[in-house]
N, C-alpha and C. Protein backbone atom coordinates (compact mmCIF):
# COMPACT_ATOMS: atom_id res chain seq x y z
N MET A 1 -0.89 2.79 10.80
CA MET A 1 -2.18 3.09 11.37
C MET A 1 -3.22 2.91 10.27
N GLY A 2 -4.22 2.10 10.56
CA GLY A 2 -5.28 1.86 9.59
C GLY A 2 -6.25 3.02 9.54
N LEU A 3 -7.09 3.01 8.52
CA LEU A 3 -8.04 4.11 8.37
C LEU A 3 -9.08 4.13 9.48
N LYS A 4 -9.42 2.97 10.06
CA LYS A 4 -10.38 2.97 11.18
C LYS A 4 -9.78 3.69 12.38
N LYS A 5 -8.51 3.42 12.65
CA LYS A 5 -7.85 4.09 13.77
C LYS A 5 -7.72 5.58 13.48
N LEU A 6 -7.43 5.91 12.23
CA LEU A 6 -7.34 7.31 11.83
C LEU A 6 -8.69 8.01 12.00
N ALA A 7 -9.76 7.33 11.62
CA ALA A 7 -11.10 7.89 11.78
C ALA A 7 -11.41 8.14 13.25
N ALA A 8 -10.98 7.23 14.12
CA ALA A 8 -11.18 7.41 15.55
C ALA A 8 -10.41 8.63 16.06
N LYS A 9 -9.21 8.81 15.55
CA LYS A 9 -8.42 9.98 15.95
C LYS A 9 -9.09 11.27 15.49
N VAL A 10 -9.67 11.27 14.29
CA VAL A 10 -10.37 12.46 13.80
C VAL A 10 -11.60 12.73 14.66
N ALA A 11 -12.32 11.69 15.05
CA ALA A 11 -13.48 11.87 15.92
C ALA A 11 -13.05 12.45 17.27
N GLU A 12 -11.95 11.95 17.80
CA GLU A 12 -11.42 12.48 19.06
C GLU A 12 -11.00 13.95 18.89
N TYR A 13 -10.37 14.26 17.77
CA TYR A 13 -9.99 15.64 17.46
C TYR A 13 -11.23 16.53 17.41
N ASN A 14 -12.29 16.07 16.75
CA ASN A 14 -13.52 16.86 16.66
C ASN A 14 -14.11 17.13 18.03
N ASP A 15 -14.05 16.14 18.93
CA ASP A 15 -14.52 16.35 20.30
C ASP A 15 -13.69 17.41 21.01
N ARG A 16 -12.36 17.32 20.87
CA ARG A 16 -11.47 18.32 21.49
C ARG A 16 -11.72 19.70 20.89
N LEU A 17 -11.98 19.74 19.58
CA LEU A 17 -12.24 21.01 18.91
C LEU A 17 -13.51 21.66 19.46
N GLU A 18 -14.56 20.87 19.65
CA GLU A 18 -15.82 21.38 20.19
C GLU A 18 -15.65 21.91 21.61
N ARG A 19 -14.77 21.30 22.39
CA ARG A 19 -14.52 21.74 23.76
C ARG A 19 -13.54 22.91 23.82
N GLY A 20 -12.99 23.30 22.67
CA GLY A 20 -12.03 24.40 22.65
C GLY A 20 -10.63 23.99 23.05
N LYS A 21 -10.34 22.71 23.02
CA LYS A 21 -9.04 22.19 23.44
C LYS A 21 -8.10 21.95 22.27
N ALA A 22 -8.55 22.23 21.05
CA ALA A 22 -7.70 22.02 19.87
C ALA A 22 -7.99 23.12 18.85
N ARG A 23 -6.99 23.39 18.04
CA ARG A 23 -7.17 24.36 16.95
C ARG A 23 -7.71 23.64 15.72
N LYS A 24 -8.44 24.38 14.91
CA LYS A 24 -9.01 23.81 13.69
C LYS A 24 -7.90 23.54 12.68
N ILE A 25 -7.95 22.36 12.07
CA ILE A 25 -7.01 22.01 11.02
C ILE A 25 -7.46 22.74 9.76
N LYS A 26 -6.55 23.49 9.17
CA LYS A 26 -6.90 24.26 7.98
C LYS A 26 -6.63 23.43 6.73
N PRO A 27 -7.59 23.39 5.81
CA PRO A 27 -7.38 22.63 4.57
C PRO A 27 -6.12 23.05 3.82
N ASP A 28 -5.79 24.33 3.90
CA ASP A 28 -4.59 24.81 3.22
C ASP A 28 -3.33 24.14 3.75
N HIS A 29 -3.29 23.89 5.05
CA HIS A 29 -2.13 23.21 5.64
C HIS A 29 -2.03 21.78 5.13
N VAL A 30 -3.17 21.11 5.03
CA VAL A 30 -3.17 19.74 4.53
C VAL A 30 -2.75 19.72 3.06
N ARG A 31 -3.20 20.71 2.30
CA ARG A 31 -2.80 20.78 0.88
C ARG A 31 -1.30 20.97 0.73
N LYS A 32 -0.70 21.77 1.60
CA LYS A 32 0.76 21.97 1.55
C LYS A 32 1.49 20.66 1.82
N VAL A 33 1.01 19.92 2.80
CA VAL A 33 1.62 18.62 3.11
C VAL A 33 1.45 17.67 1.94
N LEU A 34 0.27 17.66 1.33
CA LEU A 34 0.04 16.82 0.15
C LEU A 34 1.03 17.16 -0.97
N HIS A 35 1.24 18.43 -1.18
CA HIS A 35 2.18 18.87 -2.22
C HIS A 35 3.59 18.33 -1.93
N LYS A 36 4.03 18.46 -0.69
CA LYS A 36 5.36 17.97 -0.31
C LYS A 36 5.46 16.46 -0.45
N LEU A 37 4.40 15.76 -0.06
CA LEU A 37 4.41 14.30 -0.18
C LEU A 37 4.47 13.86 -1.64
N ARG A 38 3.75 14.55 -2.50
CA ARG A 38 3.78 14.20 -3.93
C ARG A 38 5.16 14.44 -4.53
N GLU A 39 5.80 15.54 -4.11
CA GLU A 39 7.16 15.80 -4.58
C GLU A 39 8.12 14.71 -4.11
N LYS A 40 8.00 14.33 -2.85
CA LYS A 40 8.88 13.31 -2.30
C LYS A 40 8.67 11.98 -3.01
N GLU A 41 7.42 11.62 -3.25
CA GLU A 41 7.14 10.37 -3.96
C GLU A 41 7.77 10.39 -5.35
N ALA A 42 7.65 11.51 -6.05
CA ALA A 42 8.23 11.62 -7.39
C ALA A 42 9.75 11.49 -7.34
N GLU A 43 10.38 12.09 -6.33
CA GLU A 43 11.83 11.96 -6.17
C GLU A 43 12.23 10.51 -5.95
N LEU A 44 11.49 9.82 -5.10
CA LEU A 44 11.80 8.43 -4.80
C LEU A 44 11.63 7.54 -6.03
N VAL A 45 10.58 7.77 -6.79
CA VAL A 45 10.34 6.98 -8.01
C VAL A 45 11.45 7.23 -9.02
N ALA A 46 11.88 8.49 -9.16
CA ALA A 46 12.97 8.82 -10.08
C ALA A 46 14.27 8.16 -9.64
N GLU A 47 14.52 8.18 -8.33
CA GLU A 47 15.73 7.54 -7.81
C GLU A 47 15.68 6.03 -8.02
N LEU A 48 14.51 5.45 -7.85
CA LEU A 48 14.35 4.01 -8.04
C LEU A 48 14.68 3.60 -9.48
N ALA A 49 14.33 4.44 -10.43
CA ALA A 49 14.59 4.14 -11.84
C ALA A 49 16.08 4.09 -12.16
N GLU A 50 16.90 4.73 -11.32
CA GLU A 50 18.34 4.81 -11.58
C GLU A 50 19.16 3.82 -10.77
N VAL A 51 18.55 3.05 -9.89
CA VAL A 51 19.28 2.20 -8.95
C VAL A 51 19.35 0.77 -9.46
N ASP A 52 20.51 0.14 -9.20
CA ASP A 52 20.71 -1.27 -9.57
C ASP A 52 20.84 -2.19 -8.36
N ASP A 53 21.23 -1.64 -7.21
CA ASP A 53 21.47 -2.43 -6.01
C ASP A 53 20.15 -2.98 -5.45
N PRO A 54 20.02 -4.31 -5.32
CA PRO A 54 18.77 -4.90 -4.83
C PRO A 54 18.35 -4.41 -3.45
N GLU A 55 19.31 -4.19 -2.56
CA GLU A 55 18.96 -3.71 -1.21
C GLU A 55 18.40 -2.29 -1.27
N LYS A 56 19.03 -1.46 -2.09
CA LYS A 56 18.55 -0.08 -2.21
C LYS A 56 17.18 -0.05 -2.89
N ILE A 57 16.96 -0.92 -3.86
CA ILE A 57 15.65 -1.02 -4.51
C ILE A 57 14.58 -1.38 -3.48
N LYS A 58 14.92 -2.33 -2.61
CA LYS A 58 13.97 -2.75 -1.57
C LYS A 58 13.65 -1.58 -0.64
N ARG A 59 14.68 -0.85 -0.19
CA ARG A 59 14.46 0.29 0.70
C ARG A 59 13.63 1.38 0.02
N LEU A 60 13.95 1.66 -1.24
CA LEU A 60 13.20 2.70 -1.95
C LEU A 60 11.74 2.29 -2.16
N ASN A 61 11.50 1.04 -2.49
CA ASN A 61 10.11 0.57 -2.63
C ASN A 61 9.34 0.72 -1.32
N HIS A 62 10.02 0.44 -0.21
CA HIS A 62 9.38 0.59 1.10
C HIS A 62 9.05 2.07 1.36
N LYS A 63 10.01 2.95 1.06
CA LYS A 63 9.77 4.39 1.26
C LYS A 63 8.63 4.89 0.37
N ILE A 64 8.58 4.40 -0.86
CA ILE A 64 7.50 4.80 -1.77
C ILE A 64 6.15 4.34 -1.24
N SER A 65 6.09 3.12 -0.72
CA SER A 65 4.81 2.64 -0.18
C SER A 65 4.37 3.46 1.03
N ILE A 66 5.32 3.86 1.86
CA ILE A 66 5.00 4.71 3.01
C ILE A 66 4.50 6.07 2.54
N ALA A 67 5.18 6.65 1.55
CA ALA A 67 4.77 7.95 1.03
C ALA A 67 3.35 7.88 0.46
N ARG A 68 3.06 6.80 -0.24
CA ARG A 68 1.71 6.64 -0.83
C ARG A 68 0.65 6.46 0.26
N GLU A 69 1.00 5.76 1.32
CA GLU A 69 0.06 5.60 2.44
C GLU A 69 -0.22 6.96 3.08
N HIS A 70 0.83 7.76 3.28
CA HIS A 70 0.65 9.09 3.84
C HIS A 70 -0.19 9.97 2.91
N LEU A 71 0.02 9.83 1.62
CA LEU A 71 -0.79 10.59 0.66
C LEU A 71 -2.27 10.23 0.78
N SER A 72 -2.56 8.94 0.88
CA SER A 72 -3.97 8.54 0.98
C SER A 72 -4.59 9.05 2.27
N ARG A 73 -3.83 9.04 3.35
CA ARG A 73 -4.34 9.56 4.63
C ARG A 73 -4.58 11.06 4.56
N ALA A 74 -3.65 11.77 3.96
CA ALA A 74 -3.81 13.23 3.86
C ALA A 74 -5.00 13.58 2.98
N GLU A 75 -5.20 12.85 1.89
CA GLU A 75 -6.37 13.09 1.03
C GLU A 75 -7.66 12.79 1.78
N TRP A 76 -7.65 11.72 2.55
CA TRP A 76 -8.82 11.37 3.36
C TRP A 76 -9.10 12.48 4.38
N LEU A 77 -8.04 12.96 5.04
CA LEU A 77 -8.20 14.01 6.04
C LEU A 77 -8.76 15.28 5.40
N LEU A 78 -8.27 15.61 4.22
CA LEU A 78 -8.77 16.79 3.52
C LEU A 78 -10.27 16.66 3.23
N ASP A 79 -10.70 15.47 2.85
CA ASP A 79 -12.13 15.23 2.64
C ASP A 79 -12.92 15.37 3.94
N GLU A 80 -12.34 14.87 5.03
CA GLU A 80 -13.03 14.90 6.33
C GLU A 80 -13.20 16.32 6.88
N ILE A 81 -12.17 17.14 6.74
CA ILE A 81 -12.25 18.48 7.33
C ILE A 81 -12.93 19.48 6.41
N GLY A 82 -13.21 19.07 5.20
CA GLY A 82 -13.91 19.95 4.27
C GLY A 82 -12.94 20.70 3.39
N ASP A 83 -13.13 20.58 2.11
CA ASP A 83 -12.24 21.19 1.13
C ASP A 83 -13.04 22.18 0.31
N ASN A 84 -13.40 23.31 0.94
CA ASN A 84 -14.27 24.28 0.27
C ASN A 84 -13.49 25.41 -0.40
N GLU A 85 -12.19 25.47 -0.17
CA GLU A 85 -11.40 26.58 -0.66
C GLU A 85 -10.64 26.19 -1.92
N ALA A 86 -10.10 27.19 -2.59
CA ALA A 86 -9.26 26.95 -3.77
C ALA A 86 -7.94 26.33 -3.31
N PRO A 87 -7.28 25.57 -4.16
CA PRO A 87 -6.02 24.94 -3.78
C PRO A 87 -4.95 25.97 -3.45
N ALA A 88 -4.08 25.59 -2.53
CA ALA A 88 -2.98 26.46 -2.14
C ALA A 88 -1.93 26.49 -3.24
N PRO A 89 -1.33 27.64 -3.47
CA PRO A 89 -0.27 27.69 -4.47
C PRO A 89 0.95 26.93 -3.98
N PRO A 90 1.67 26.25 -4.86
CA PRO A 90 2.86 25.53 -4.43
C PRO A 90 3.95 26.49 -3.98
N ASP A 91 4.72 26.06 -3.00
CA ASP A 91 5.83 26.89 -2.49
C ASP A 91 7.05 26.74 -3.36
């Protein structure tokens, strides 16, 4: 999903929120997801450094690119919903 489509989904969410049909996304929840995504990306990068099999390298590179895309979307979402609070403590 591209960022334009994501922006459209956020606009649709804001409309539903104004009508009372959706709950507000809390920045703290997005921060928790960001933390988990960063941990997962670090695990994948560490695993990639230890692998010799070309097929596994290809799969890990694909997973890393997906994790990074999710990270950029989550950071964008955090900016969109407003990040006025202190960061959430890691679990």
